Amino acid sequence: MDSTTPLSARTGGTAQTASTTATGGGAIATDFETFLKMLTAQMQNQDPLNPIESADYAVQIATFSGVEQQVRTNQLLEDMTAALGATGLSAYAGWVGHEVQAAAPALFAGSPITVVPQIAEGADSAVLVVRDADGAEVQRLDIGTGGEPLDWAGVGDTGMPLAQGVYRFVVESYAEGARIGEGTAATYGTVTEVLADGDGIRLRLAGGAEVAADSVTALRQAGG
């Protein structure tokens, strides 16, 4: 057998299997010991007429050590990411139970909902459009163009309370009768849960809506 043949080829692929298994992370130490035992056995049983060059051993050890180091580095990065995620969650934990302002649907549970309209520049009139959870329009209200917050009482045009549930608020901006803009109005919703994933920190609001934490524009005590 050629002395330049890799150790894995001389042992029927067993060394390669050990290296592959090592990438599993937790089995690195065990697999490295197995690799050393295999290396020792190879040295003891090598062909005396065609001994393995010492440089080949060095290459095999260096290759396995490199894999081991890479796996440990990856594990360290995963641990750091998890730690940062936990830190982010703890930073927003105090928001649970508070109301945040964001462009998201809001839960109407009988109490007025604070709506913060965004009026397009140049508008001379604006309409607040209220839609239910299915997207059906349930009310249209003329509002000013100053963008001041208003409390939507959840009372229909007939004077009767609307059904409790999730509602979305859209502002239509007009200039000389022509619509020049439309956008979701911000509302206040109560934070019920803080979540972390690959996209960052998200807040789950009463009613089920979720918003990115960095999209929140105001925070207040519940019922404020």
N, C-alpha and C. Protein backbone atom coordinates (compact mmCIF):
# COMPACT_ATOMS: atom_id res chain seq x y z
N MET A 1 0.85 -1.19 0.00
CA MET A 1 0.00 0.00 0.00
C MET A 1 0.88 1.23 0.00
N ASP A 2 0.53 2.24 -0.79
CA ASP A 2 1.31 3.47 -0.89
C ASP A 2 1.29 4.20 0.43
N SER A 3 2.49 4.63 0.88
CA SER A 3 2.58 5.31 2.18
C SER A 3 1.86 6.63 2.18
N THR A 4 1.51 7.17 1.01
CA THR A 4 0.81 8.46 0.96
C THR A 4 -0.69 8.29 1.03
N THR A 5 -1.16 7.04 1.06
CA THR A 5 -2.60 6.81 1.15
C THR A 5 -3.12 7.31 2.48
N PRO A 6 -4.23 8.13 2.51
CA PRO A 6 -4.75 8.65 3.77
C PRO A 6 -5.11 7.54 4.73
N LEU A 7 -5.03 7.87 6.01
CA LEU A 7 -5.32 6.88 7.04
C LEU A 7 -6.73 6.34 6.90
N SER A 8 -7.68 7.21 6.53
CA SER A 8 -9.06 6.75 6.42
C SER A 8 -9.19 5.65 5.38
N ALA A 9 -8.45 5.76 4.26
CA ALA A 9 -8.52 4.74 3.22
C ALA A 9 -7.92 3.44 3.70
N ARG A 10 -6.88 3.52 4.56
CA ARG A 10 -6.18 2.31 5.01
C ARG A 10 -6.99 1.56 6.06
N THR A 11 -7.95 2.20 6.64
CA THR A 11 -8.74 1.56 7.70
C THR A 11 -10.17 1.34 7.26
N GLY A 12 -10.38 1.30 5.95
CA GLY A 12 -11.70 0.97 5.43
C GLY A 12 -12.72 2.05 5.68
N GLY A 13 -12.27 3.31 5.80
CA GLY A 13 -13.21 4.42 5.97
C GLY A 13 -13.61 4.66 7.40
N THR A 14 -13.07 3.87 8.35
CA THR A 14 -13.48 4.03 9.75
C THR A 14 -13.10 5.38 10.29
N ALA A 15 -11.90 5.88 9.92
CA ALA A 15 -11.48 7.20 10.41
C ALA A 15 -12.40 8.28 9.92
N GLN A 16 -12.85 8.13 8.64
CA GLN A 16 -13.76 9.12 8.09
C GLN A 16 -15.07 9.11 8.87
N THR A 17 -15.55 7.92 9.22
CA THR A 17 -16.78 7.82 10.00
C THR A 17 -16.64 8.50 11.33
N ALA A 18 -15.49 8.31 11.99
CA ALA A 18 -15.26 8.94 13.28
C ALA A 18 -15.26 10.44 13.15
N SER A 19 -14.64 10.94 12.06
CA SER A 19 -14.59 12.39 11.86
C SER A 19 -15.98 12.94 11.64
N THR A 20 -16.79 12.22 10.82
CA THR A 20 -18.14 12.69 10.56
C THR A 20 -18.97 12.71 11.82
N THR A 21 -18.85 11.63 12.60
CA THR A 21 -19.59 11.57 13.84
C THR A 21 -19.21 12.69 14.77
N ALA A 22 -17.95 13.11 14.72
CA ALA A 22 -17.48 14.15 15.63
C ALA A 22 -18.20 15.45 15.42
N THR A 23 -18.70 15.69 14.20
CA THR A 23 -19.37 16.95 13.94
C THR A 23 -20.69 17.04 14.69
N GLY A 24 -21.10 15.99 15.34
CA GLY A 24 -22.31 16.03 16.14
C GLY A 24 -22.18 16.90 17.35
N GLY A 25 -20.99 17.33 17.75
CA GLY A 25 -20.81 18.26 18.85
C GLY A 25 -20.49 17.55 20.15
N GLY A 26 -21.49 16.92 20.79
CA GLY A 26 -21.29 16.34 22.10
C GLY A 26 -20.37 15.13 22.08
N ALA A 27 -20.20 14.47 20.90
CA ALA A 27 -19.40 13.25 20.83
C ALA A 27 -17.96 13.52 20.44
N ILE A 28 -17.55 14.79 20.39
CA ILE A 28 -16.20 15.14 19.94
C ILE A 28 -15.12 14.44 20.75
N ALA A 29 -15.20 14.54 22.08
CA ALA A 29 -14.13 13.99 22.92
C ALA A 29 -14.02 12.48 22.72
N THR A 30 -15.16 11.79 22.72
CA THR A 30 -15.16 10.34 22.55
C THR A 30 -14.60 9.96 21.19
N ASP A 31 -15.02 10.65 20.15
CA ASP A 31 -14.57 10.32 18.81
C ASP A 31 -13.07 10.59 18.65
N PHE A 32 -12.57 11.63 19.32
CA PHE A 32 -11.14 11.93 19.20
C PHE A 32 -10.32 10.83 19.85
N GLU A 33 -10.77 10.31 20.98
CA GLU A 33 -10.08 9.20 21.62
C GLU A 33 -10.13 7.97 20.73
N THR A 34 -11.28 7.73 20.10
CA THR A 34 -11.42 6.61 19.17
C THR A 34 -10.44 6.75 18.01
N PHE A 35 -10.34 7.98 17.52
CA PHE A 35 -9.42 8.24 16.41
C PHE A 35 -7.97 7.92 16.81
N LEU A 36 -7.59 8.32 18.03
CA LEU A 36 -6.23 8.06 18.50
C LEU A 36 -5.99 6.56 18.65
N LYS A 37 -7.00 5.83 19.13
CA LYS A 37 -6.86 4.37 19.26
C LYS A 37 -6.68 3.73 17.88
N MET A 38 -7.44 4.23 16.92
CA MET A 38 -7.32 3.70 15.57
C MET A 38 -5.94 4.01 14.99
N LEU A 39 -5.46 5.21 15.29
CA LEU A 39 -4.15 5.61 14.80
C LEU A 39 -3.07 4.72 15.39
N THR A 40 -3.21 4.44 16.69
CA THR A 40 -2.24 3.58 17.36
C THR A 40 -2.26 2.17 16.77
N ALA A 41 -3.49 1.66 16.56
CA ALA A 41 -3.63 0.32 15.98
C ALA A 41 -3.02 0.27 14.58
N GLN A 42 -3.19 1.34 13.82
CA GLN A 42 -2.62 1.39 12.47
C GLN A 42 -1.10 1.34 12.53
N MET A 43 -0.53 2.06 13.51
CA MET A 43 0.93 2.08 13.65
C MET A 43 1.45 0.69 14.02
N GLN A 44 0.70 0.01 14.89
CA GLN A 44 1.14 -1.30 15.36
C GLN A 44 1.01 -2.38 14.28
N ASN A 45 0.07 -2.17 13.36
CA ASN A 45 -0.20 -3.20 12.36
C ASN A 45 0.20 -2.80 10.95
N GLN A 46 1.00 -1.75 10.84
CA GLN A 46 1.40 -1.32 9.51
C GLN A 46 2.37 -2.32 8.87
N ASP A 47 2.44 -2.27 7.59
CA ASP A 47 3.33 -3.15 6.82
C ASP A 47 4.77 -2.68 7.04
N PRO A 48 5.62 -3.50 7.66
CA PRO A 48 7.00 -3.07 7.92
C PRO A 48 7.79 -2.79 6.65
N LEU A 49 7.34 -3.38 5.52
CA LEU A 49 8.04 -3.12 4.27
C LEU A 49 7.56 -1.84 3.59
N ASN A 50 6.46 -1.32 4.09
CA ASN A 50 5.91 -0.09 3.51
C ASN A 50 5.33 0.77 4.64
N PRO A 51 6.18 1.24 5.53
CA PRO A 51 5.70 1.98 6.70
C PRO A 51 5.06 3.32 6.30
N ILE A 52 4.14 3.75 7.16
CA ILE A 52 3.45 5.02 6.94
C ILE A 52 4.39 6.16 7.33
N GLU A 53 4.42 7.15 6.50
CA GLU A 53 5.25 8.31 6.79
C GLU A 53 4.69 9.06 8.01
N SER A 54 5.58 9.57 8.85
CA SER A 54 5.14 10.32 10.03
C SER A 54 4.36 11.56 9.64
N ALA A 55 4.65 12.11 8.46
CA ALA A 55 3.93 13.30 8.01
C ALA A 55 2.46 12.99 7.79
N ASP A 56 2.16 11.75 7.37
CA ASP A 56 0.76 11.37 7.16
C ASP A 56 0.00 11.38 8.48
N TYR A 57 0.67 10.89 9.53
CA TYR A 57 0.02 10.93 10.84
C TYR A 57 -0.29 12.37 11.26
N ALA A 58 0.68 13.24 11.04
CA ALA A 58 0.50 14.64 11.42
C ALA A 58 -0.67 15.28 10.68
N VAL A 59 -0.80 14.94 9.40
CA VAL A 59 -1.89 15.49 8.60
C VAL A 59 -3.24 15.00 9.14
N GLN A 60 -3.32 13.70 9.45
CA GLN A 60 -4.58 13.15 9.94
C GLN A 60 -4.98 13.79 11.27
N ILE A 61 -4.02 13.94 12.18
CA ILE A 61 -4.30 14.54 13.48
C ILE A 61 -4.72 16.00 13.31
N ALA A 62 -4.00 16.71 12.45
CA ALA A 62 -4.32 18.13 12.24
C ALA A 62 -5.72 18.29 11.65
N THR A 63 -6.09 17.41 10.73
CA THR A 63 -7.41 17.48 10.12
C THR A 63 -8.51 17.25 11.14
N PHE A 64 -8.33 16.22 11.96
CA PHE A 64 -9.34 15.93 12.96
C PHE A 64 -9.42 17.05 13.99
N SER A 65 -8.28 17.59 14.39
CA SER A 65 -8.26 18.68 15.36
C SER A 65 -8.97 19.91 14.81
N GLY A 66 -8.81 20.15 13.49
CA GLY A 66 -9.47 21.29 12.87
C GLY A 66 -10.98 21.15 12.92
N VAL A 67 -11.47 19.94 12.66
CA VAL A 67 -12.91 19.70 12.74
C VAL A 67 -13.40 19.91 14.16
N GLU A 68 -12.63 19.37 15.12
CA GLU A 68 -13.01 19.51 16.52
C GLU A 68 -13.10 20.98 16.91
N GLN A 69 -12.11 21.79 16.49
CA GLN A 69 -12.10 23.20 16.84
C GLN A 69 -13.27 23.94 16.20
N GLN A 70 -13.62 23.58 14.96
CA GLN A 70 -14.73 24.24 14.27
C GLN A 70 -16.05 23.95 14.97
N VAL A 71 -16.24 22.69 15.39
CA VAL A 71 -17.47 22.34 16.09
C VAL A 71 -17.57 23.10 17.40
N ARG A 72 -16.48 23.20 18.11
CA ARG A 72 -16.50 23.93 19.38
C ARG A 72 -16.77 25.41 19.16
N THR A 73 -16.23 25.97 18.07
CA THR A 73 -16.49 27.38 17.75
C THR A 73 -17.96 27.59 17.43
N ASN A 74 -18.54 26.68 16.64
CA ASN A 74 -19.96 26.79 16.32
C ASN A 74 -20.82 26.71 17.56
N GLN A 75 -20.46 25.82 18.47
CA GLN A 75 -21.21 25.68 19.71
C GLN A 75 -21.13 26.96 20.54
N LEU A 76 -19.94 27.57 20.56
CA LEU A 76 -19.76 28.81 21.30
C LEU A 76 -20.63 29.92 20.72
N LEU A 77 -20.69 29.99 19.38
CA LEU A 77 -21.53 31.01 18.73
C LEU A 77 -23.01 30.78 19.06
N GLU A 78 -23.43 29.52 19.07
CA GLU A 78 -24.82 29.22 19.41
C GLU A 78 -25.12 29.63 20.84
N ASP A 79 -24.19 29.36 21.76
CA ASP A 79 -24.39 29.75 23.15
C ASP A 79 -24.47 31.26 23.30
N MET A 80 -23.62 31.98 22.55
CA MET A 80 -23.63 33.44 22.61
C MET A 80 -24.94 34.00 22.07
N THR A 81 -25.43 33.41 20.97
CA THR A 81 -26.70 33.86 20.39
C THR A 81 -27.85 33.64 21.35
N ALA A 82 -27.85 32.48 22.01
CA ALA A 82 -28.91 32.19 22.97
C ALA A 82 -28.86 33.16 24.15
N ALA A 83 -27.63 33.48 24.59
CA ALA A 83 -27.48 34.41 25.70
C ALA A 83 -27.98 35.81 25.33
N LEU A 84 -27.65 36.24 24.11
CA LEU A 84 -28.10 37.56 23.66
C LEU A 84 -29.62 37.59 23.55
N GLY A 85 -30.20 36.49 23.06
CA GLY A 85 -31.65 36.43 22.96
C GLY A 85 -32.31 36.51 24.32
N ALA A 86 -31.74 35.82 25.31
CA ALA A 86 -32.28 35.87 26.67
C ALA A 86 -32.17 37.27 27.24
N THR A 87 -31.04 37.95 26.94
CA THR A 87 -30.87 39.32 27.42
C THR A 87 -31.93 40.24 26.83
N GLY A 88 -32.21 40.06 25.52
CA GLY A 88 -33.24 40.88 24.88
C GLY A 88 -34.61 40.64 25.49
N LEU A 89 -34.93 39.39 25.76
CA LEU A 89 -36.22 39.07 26.37
C LEU A 89 -36.37 39.73 27.73
N SER A 90 -35.31 39.65 28.54
CA SER A 90 -35.39 40.22 29.89
C SER A 90 -35.54 41.73 29.83
N ALA A 91 -34.96 42.36 28.79
CA ALA A 91 -35.06 43.81 28.67
C ALA A 91 -36.49 44.25 28.42
N TYR A 92 -37.28 43.39 27.75
CA TYR A 92 -38.67 43.75 27.43
C TYR A 92 -39.68 43.09 28.36
N ALA A 93 -39.20 42.31 29.32
CA ALA A 93 -40.12 41.60 30.21
C ALA A 93 -41.04 42.56 30.96
N GLY A 94 -40.53 43.74 31.30
CA GLY A 94 -41.33 44.72 32.03
C GLY A 94 -42.46 45.32 31.21
N TRP A 95 -42.46 45.06 29.91
CA TRP A 95 -43.53 45.60 29.06
C TRP A 95 -44.81 44.77 29.14
N VAL A 96 -44.70 43.55 29.59
CA VAL A 96 -45.88 42.69 29.69
C VAL A 96 -46.89 43.33 30.64
N GLY A 97 -48.13 43.44 30.17
CA GLY A 97 -49.17 44.09 30.97
C GLY A 97 -49.32 45.57 30.69
N HIS A 98 -48.35 46.14 29.96
CA HIS A 98 -48.42 47.55 29.57
C HIS A 98 -49.01 47.67 28.16
N GLU A 99 -49.39 48.89 27.79
CA GLU A 99 -49.91 49.15 26.46
C GLU A 99 -48.83 49.81 25.61
N VAL A 100 -48.69 49.32 24.37
CA VAL A 100 -47.73 49.89 23.44
C VAL A 100 -48.47 50.44 22.23
N GLN A 101 -47.87 51.47 21.64
CA GLN A 101 -48.45 52.07 20.44
C GLN A 101 -47.73 51.51 19.22
N ALA A 102 -48.50 50.96 18.29
CA ALA A 102 -47.92 50.38 17.08
C ALA A 102 -49.01 50.30 16.01
N ALA A 103 -48.58 50.25 14.76
CA ALA A 103 -49.53 50.12 13.65
C ALA A 103 -49.97 48.67 13.56
N ALA A 104 -50.99 48.32 14.33
CA ALA A 104 -51.45 46.94 14.41
C ALA A 104 -52.92 46.91 14.78
N PRO A 105 -53.62 45.82 14.45
CA PRO A 105 -55.01 45.69 14.89
C PRO A 105 -55.08 45.72 16.42
N ALA A 106 -56.26 46.10 16.93
CA ALA A 106 -56.42 46.19 18.38
C ALA A 106 -57.66 45.41 18.82
N LEU A 107 -57.60 44.92 20.04
CA LEU A 107 -58.72 44.16 20.60
C LEU A 107 -59.71 45.12 21.27
N PHE A 108 -60.96 45.08 20.81
CA PHE A 108 -62.03 45.84 21.45
C PHE A 108 -62.76 44.92 22.41
N ALA A 109 -62.63 45.23 23.71
CA ALA A 109 -63.26 44.40 24.73
C ALA A 109 -64.29 45.19 25.53
N GLY A 110 -64.82 46.26 24.92
CA GLY A 110 -65.84 47.06 25.57
C GLY A 110 -65.36 48.44 25.98
N SER A 111 -64.03 48.58 26.14
CA SER A 111 -63.45 49.88 26.50
C SER A 111 -62.94 50.58 25.25
N PRO A 112 -62.94 51.93 25.23
CA PRO A 112 -62.47 52.67 24.05
C PRO A 112 -61.04 52.31 23.68
N ILE A 113 -60.75 52.36 22.40
CA ILE A 113 -59.41 52.10 21.87
C ILE A 113 -58.81 53.42 21.42
N THR A 114 -57.60 53.72 21.88
CA THR A 114 -56.91 54.93 21.45
C THR A 114 -56.29 54.69 20.08
N VAL A 115 -56.67 55.55 19.13
CA VAL A 115 -56.18 55.45 17.75
C VAL A 115 -55.35 56.70 17.45
N VAL A 116 -54.18 56.48 16.85
CA VAL A 116 -53.29 57.59 16.49
C VAL A 116 -53.19 57.62 14.96
N PRO A 117 -53.97 58.47 14.30
CA PRO A 117 -53.96 58.50 12.83
C PRO A 117 -52.72 59.17 12.26
N GLN A 118 -52.28 58.70 11.10
CA GLN A 118 -51.19 59.33 10.36
C GLN A 118 -51.79 59.93 9.09
N ILE A 119 -51.78 61.24 9.01
CA ILE A 119 -52.40 61.94 7.89
C ILE A 119 -51.35 62.28 6.84
N ALA A 120 -51.67 62.05 5.58
CA ALA A 120 -50.74 62.36 4.49
C ALA A 120 -50.53 63.87 4.40
N GLU A 121 -49.32 64.27 4.09
CA GLU A 121 -49.00 65.69 3.94
C GLU A 121 -49.80 66.29 2.79
N GLY A 122 -50.38 67.46 3.03
CA GLY A 122 -51.16 68.14 2.00
C GLY A 122 -52.64 67.80 2.03
N ALA A 123 -53.05 66.93 2.94
CA ALA A 123 -54.46 66.53 3.00
C ALA A 123 -55.29 67.65 3.61
N ASP A 124 -56.51 67.82 3.09
CA ASP A 124 -57.43 68.80 3.68
C ASP A 124 -58.60 68.12 4.39
N SER A 125 -58.63 66.78 4.32
CA SER A 125 -59.63 66.01 5.06
C SER A 125 -59.14 64.58 5.20
N ALA A 126 -59.72 63.89 6.16
CA ALA A 126 -59.30 62.50 6.39
C ALA A 126 -60.47 61.70 6.94
N VAL A 127 -60.44 60.41 6.65
CA VAL A 127 -61.50 59.50 7.10
C VAL A 127 -60.86 58.31 7.81
N LEU A 128 -61.39 57.98 8.98
CA LEU A 128 -60.95 56.79 9.69
C LEU A 128 -61.87 55.64 9.31
N VAL A 129 -61.30 54.61 8.71
CA VAL A 129 -62.07 53.43 8.28
C VAL A 129 -61.82 52.31 9.29
N VAL A 130 -62.90 51.76 9.82
CA VAL A 130 -62.80 50.68 10.80
C VAL A 130 -63.20 49.37 10.13
N ARG A 131 -62.33 48.37 10.24
CA ARG A 131 -62.61 47.06 9.66
C ARG A 131 -62.55 45.99 10.75
N ASP A 132 -63.37 44.95 10.61
CA ASP A 132 -63.37 43.88 11.60
C ASP A 132 -62.27 42.88 11.28
N ALA A 133 -62.23 41.79 12.04
CA ALA A 133 -61.15 40.80 11.90
C ALA A 133 -61.16 40.14 10.53
N ASP A 134 -62.31 40.13 9.85
CA ASP A 134 -62.41 39.52 8.52
C ASP A 134 -62.10 40.52 7.42
N GLY A 135 -61.82 41.78 7.79
CA GLY A 135 -61.51 42.80 6.80
C GLY A 135 -62.71 43.56 6.29
N ALA A 136 -63.91 43.23 6.80
CA ALA A 136 -65.13 43.92 6.37
C ALA A 136 -65.20 45.29 7.01
N GLU A 137 -65.60 46.29 6.22
CA GLU A 137 -65.72 47.65 6.74
C GLU A 137 -66.97 47.75 7.61
N VAL A 138 -66.81 48.29 8.82
CA VAL A 138 -67.94 48.41 9.75
C VAL A 138 -68.27 49.86 10.07
N GLN A 139 -67.35 50.78 9.75
CA GLN A 139 -67.62 52.18 10.09
C GLN A 139 -66.64 53.09 9.38
N ARG A 140 -67.12 54.32 9.05
CA ARG A 140 -66.28 55.38 8.48
C ARG A 140 -66.55 56.65 9.28
N LEU A 141 -65.47 57.27 9.75
CA LEU A 141 -65.60 58.47 10.57
C LEU A 141 -64.73 59.58 10.01
N ASP A 142 -65.33 60.77 9.83
CA ASP A 142 -64.55 61.93 9.41
C ASP A 142 -63.73 62.42 10.59
N ILE A 143 -62.44 62.63 10.37
CA ILE A 143 -61.55 63.11 11.43
C ILE A 143 -60.79 64.33 10.91
N GLY A 144 -60.17 65.06 11.83
CA GLY A 144 -59.39 66.21 11.43
C GLY A 144 -58.08 65.80 10.79
N THR A 145 -57.33 66.79 10.34
CA THR A 145 -56.05 66.52 9.66
C THR A 145 -54.85 66.78 10.57
N GLY A 146 -55.11 67.04 11.85
CA GLY A 146 -54.01 67.33 12.76
C GLY A 146 -53.26 66.10 13.26
N GLY A 147 -53.88 64.92 13.12
CA GLY A 147 -53.23 63.69 13.57
C GLY A 147 -53.29 63.47 15.07
N GLU A 148 -54.20 64.19 15.75
CA GLU A 148 -54.30 64.01 17.20
C GLU A 148 -54.89 62.64 17.54
N PRO A 149 -54.44 62.02 18.62
CA PRO A 149 -55.02 60.73 19.05
C PRO A 149 -56.51 60.90 19.34
N LEU A 150 -57.26 59.87 19.09
CA LEU A 150 -58.70 59.88 19.38
C LEU A 150 -59.09 58.56 19.98
N ASP A 151 -60.16 58.56 20.75
CA ASP A 151 -60.65 57.34 21.38
C ASP A 151 -61.85 56.82 20.60
N TRP A 152 -61.69 55.62 20.05
CA TRP A 152 -62.79 54.97 19.33
C TRP A 152 -63.59 54.18 20.36
N ALA A 153 -64.86 54.54 20.50
CA ALA A 153 -65.68 53.97 21.57
C ALA A 153 -66.28 52.62 21.22
N GLY A 154 -66.21 52.22 19.95
CA GLY A 154 -66.79 50.93 19.58
C GLY A 154 -68.30 50.98 19.47
N VAL A 155 -68.82 52.17 19.15
CA VAL A 155 -70.26 52.34 18.98
C VAL A 155 -70.55 52.53 17.49
N GLY A 156 -71.49 51.77 16.95
CA GLY A 156 -71.82 51.84 15.54
C GLY A 156 -72.61 53.08 15.19
N ASP A 157 -72.89 53.26 13.93
CA ASP A 157 -73.63 54.43 13.46
C ASP A 157 -75.06 54.46 13.99
N THR A 158 -75.58 53.31 14.40
CA THR A 158 -76.93 53.24 14.95
C THR A 158 -76.96 53.59 16.43
N GLY A 159 -75.78 53.78 17.01
CA GLY A 159 -75.70 54.07 18.43
C GLY A 159 -75.58 52.83 19.29
N MET A 160 -75.56 51.66 18.65
CA MET A 160 -75.44 50.41 19.40
C MET A 160 -73.97 49.97 19.44
N PRO A 161 -73.55 49.37 20.56
CA PRO A 161 -72.16 48.90 20.65
C PRO A 161 -71.88 47.83 19.60
N LEU A 162 -70.69 47.88 19.03
CA LEU A 162 -70.26 46.86 18.08
C LEU A 162 -69.79 45.62 18.85
N ALA A 163 -69.74 44.51 18.14
CA ALA A 163 -69.31 43.26 18.78
C ALA A 163 -67.86 43.37 19.23
N GLN A 164 -67.58 42.74 20.36
CA GLN A 164 -66.20 42.72 20.84
C GLN A 164 -65.37 41.84 19.92
N GLY A 165 -64.11 42.22 19.76
CA GLY A 165 -63.23 41.47 18.89
C GLY A 165 -62.09 42.34 18.41
N VAL A 166 -61.37 41.86 17.40
CA VAL A 166 -60.21 42.58 16.87
C VAL A 166 -60.65 43.47 15.72
N TYR A 167 -60.17 44.73 15.75
CA TYR A 167 -60.50 45.69 14.71
C TYR A 167 -59.22 46.34 14.18
N ARG A 168 -59.25 46.64 12.90
CA ARG A 168 -58.12 47.31 12.24
C ARG A 168 -58.59 48.70 11.79
N PHE A 169 -57.70 49.68 11.93
CA PHE A 169 -58.04 51.06 11.63
C PHE A 169 -57.16 51.58 10.50
N VAL A 170 -57.80 52.10 9.46
CA VAL A 170 -57.10 52.63 8.30
C VAL A 170 -57.48 54.09 8.11
N VAL A 171 -56.50 54.91 7.81
CA VAL A 171 -56.76 56.34 7.57
C VAL A 171 -56.64 56.63 6.08
N GLU A 172 -57.69 57.21 5.51
CA GLU A 172 -57.67 57.66 4.12
C GLU A 172 -57.52 59.18 4.12
N SER A 173 -56.50 59.67 3.45
CA SER A 173 -56.25 61.12 3.38
C SER A 173 -56.73 61.65 2.03
N TYR A 174 -57.37 62.82 2.02
CA TYR A 174 -57.92 63.41 0.80
C TYR A 174 -57.45 64.86 0.64
N ALA A 175 -57.33 65.26 -0.61
CA ALA A 175 -57.03 66.66 -0.96
C ALA A 175 -57.93 67.05 -2.12
N GLU A 176 -58.81 68.03 -1.87
CA GLU A 176 -59.77 68.47 -2.88
C GLU A 176 -60.61 67.31 -3.41
N GLY A 177 -60.98 66.43 -2.50
CA GLY A 177 -61.86 65.32 -2.85
C GLY A 177 -61.16 64.10 -3.40
N ALA A 178 -59.88 64.20 -3.71
CA ALA A 178 -59.15 63.05 -4.25
C ALA A 178 -58.33 62.37 -3.14
N ARG A 179 -58.38 61.07 -3.11
CA ARG A 179 -57.60 60.34 -2.09
C ARG A 179 -56.13 60.39 -2.45
N ILE A 180 -55.30 60.86 -1.51
CA ILE A 180 -53.87 60.99 -1.77
C ILE A 180 -53.03 60.07 -0.90
N GLY A 181 -53.66 59.33 -0.03
CA GLY A 181 -52.89 58.41 0.82
C GLY A 181 -53.78 57.53 1.65
N GLU A 182 -53.24 56.37 2.02
CA GLU A 182 -53.96 55.43 2.88
C GLU A 182 -52.93 54.66 3.69
N GLY A 183 -53.18 54.48 4.98
CA GLY A 183 -52.25 53.75 5.82
C GLY A 183 -52.90 53.27 7.10
N THR A 184 -52.32 52.23 7.68
CA THR A 184 -52.84 51.69 8.94
C THR A 184 -52.55 52.65 10.08
N ALA A 185 -53.57 52.96 10.84
CA ALA A 185 -53.40 53.85 11.98
C ALA A 185 -52.79 53.07 13.16
N ALA A 186 -52.00 53.75 13.95
CA ALA A 186 -51.43 53.13 15.16
C ALA A 186 -52.50 53.07 16.24
N THR A 187 -52.44 52.03 17.03
CA THR A 187 -53.36 51.87 18.15
C THR A 187 -52.55 51.47 19.39
N TYR A 188 -53.21 51.50 20.53
CA TYR A 188 -52.59 51.00 21.76
C TYR A 188 -53.13 49.61 22.05
N GLY A 189 -52.22 48.67 22.29
CA GLY A 189 -52.61 47.31 22.64
C GLY A 189 -51.81 46.81 23.83
N THR A 190 -52.40 45.94 24.61
CA THR A 190 -51.74 45.42 25.81
C THR A 190 -50.81 44.27 25.45
N VAL A 191 -49.58 44.34 25.93
CA VAL A 191 -48.59 43.29 25.67
C VAL A 191 -48.89 42.09 26.56
N THR A 192 -49.03 40.93 25.94
CA THR A 192 -49.30 39.71 26.70
C THR A 192 -48.11 38.76 26.74
N GLU A 193 -47.17 38.92 25.76
CA GLU A 193 -46.03 38.00 25.70
C GLU A 193 -44.90 38.63 24.90
N VAL A 194 -43.68 38.30 25.29
CA VAL A 194 -42.49 38.76 24.56
C VAL A 194 -41.85 37.53 23.93
N LEU A 195 -41.56 37.61 22.63
CA LEU A 195 -41.02 36.46 21.90
C LEU A 195 -39.71 36.85 21.22
N ALA A 196 -38.83 35.87 21.06
CA ALA A 196 -37.55 36.09 20.38
C ALA A 196 -37.35 35.00 19.34
N ASP A 197 -36.95 35.40 18.13
CA ASP A 197 -36.61 34.44 17.09
C ASP A 197 -35.54 35.05 16.20
N GLY A 198 -35.33 34.45 15.05
CA GLY A 198 -34.28 34.94 14.16
C GLY A 198 -34.51 36.34 13.66
N ASP A 199 -35.76 36.81 13.74
CA ASP A 199 -36.07 38.16 13.27
C ASP A 199 -35.97 39.21 14.37
N GLY A 200 -35.61 38.79 15.58
CA GLY A 200 -35.47 39.74 16.68
C GLY A 200 -36.55 39.56 17.74
N ILE A 201 -36.82 40.61 18.49
CA ILE A 201 -37.81 40.58 19.57
C ILE A 201 -39.16 41.02 19.04
N ARG A 202 -40.19 40.22 19.32
CA ARG A 202 -41.54 40.55 18.92
C ARG A 202 -42.44 40.58 20.15
N LEU A 203 -43.48 41.39 20.07
CA LEU A 203 -44.44 41.52 21.16
C LEU A 203 -45.79 40.99 20.70
N ARG A 204 -46.37 40.10 21.49
CA ARG A 204 -47.72 39.62 21.19
C ARG A 204 -48.70 40.45 22.00
N LEU A 205 -49.72 40.97 21.32
CA LEU A 205 -50.69 41.85 21.96
C LEU A 205 -51.99 41.11 22.23
N ALA A 206 -52.78 41.67 23.12
CA ALA A 206 -54.11 41.10 23.38
C ALA A 206 -54.88 41.08 22.06
N GLY A 207 -55.47 39.95 21.76
CA GLY A 207 -56.16 39.79 20.49
C GLY A 207 -55.36 38.98 19.50
N GLY A 208 -54.05 38.77 19.78
CA GLY A 208 -53.23 37.92 18.93
C GLY A 208 -52.30 38.61 17.97
N ALA A 209 -52.42 39.92 17.78
CA ALA A 209 -51.52 40.63 16.86
C ALA A 209 -50.10 40.61 17.40
N GLU A 210 -49.11 40.57 16.50
CA GLU A 210 -47.70 40.61 16.88
C GLU A 210 -47.01 41.76 16.17
N VAL A 211 -46.15 42.47 16.90
CA VAL A 211 -45.42 43.59 16.31
C VAL A 211 -43.96 43.48 16.72
N ALA A 212 -43.07 43.99 15.87
CA ALA A 212 -41.65 44.03 16.23
C ALA A 212 -41.45 45.04 17.35
N ALA A 213 -40.61 44.69 18.30
CA ALA A 213 -40.38 45.57 19.44
C ALA A 213 -39.85 46.93 19.00
N ASP A 214 -39.02 46.94 17.95
CA ASP A 214 -38.44 48.21 17.51
C ASP A 214 -39.42 49.06 16.69
N SER A 215 -40.65 48.56 16.46
CA SER A 215 -41.65 49.35 15.75
C SER A 215 -42.57 50.10 16.70
N VAL A 216 -42.41 49.84 17.99
CA VAL A 216 -43.24 50.51 19.01
C VAL A 216 -42.83 51.97 19.12
N THR A 217 -43.82 52.86 19.13
CA THR A 217 -43.54 54.30 19.19
C THR A 217 -43.91 54.93 20.53
N ALA A 218 -44.58 54.18 21.40
CA ALA A 218 -44.95 54.72 22.72
C ALA A 218 -45.30 53.57 23.66
N LEU A 219 -45.16 53.81 24.94
CA LEU A 219 -45.45 52.82 25.98
C LEU A 219 -46.15 53.52 27.11
N ARG A 220 -47.21 52.89 27.65
CA ARG A 220 -47.93 53.51 28.76
C ARG A 220 -48.53 52.44 29.66
N GLN A 221 -48.96 52.84 30.84
CA GLN A 221 -49.62 51.93 31.75
C GLN A 221 -50.94 51.50 31.14
N ALA A 222 -51.35 50.27 31.39
CA ALA A 222 -52.61 49.78 30.87
C ALA A 222 -53.76 50.66 31.36
N GLY A 223 -54.64 51.02 30.44
CA GLY A 223 -55.77 51.88 30.79
C GLY A 223 -55.41 53.35 30.87
N GLY A 224 -54.17 53.70 30.40
CA GLY A 224 -53.71 55.07 30.49
C GLY A 224 -54.37 55.97 29.47
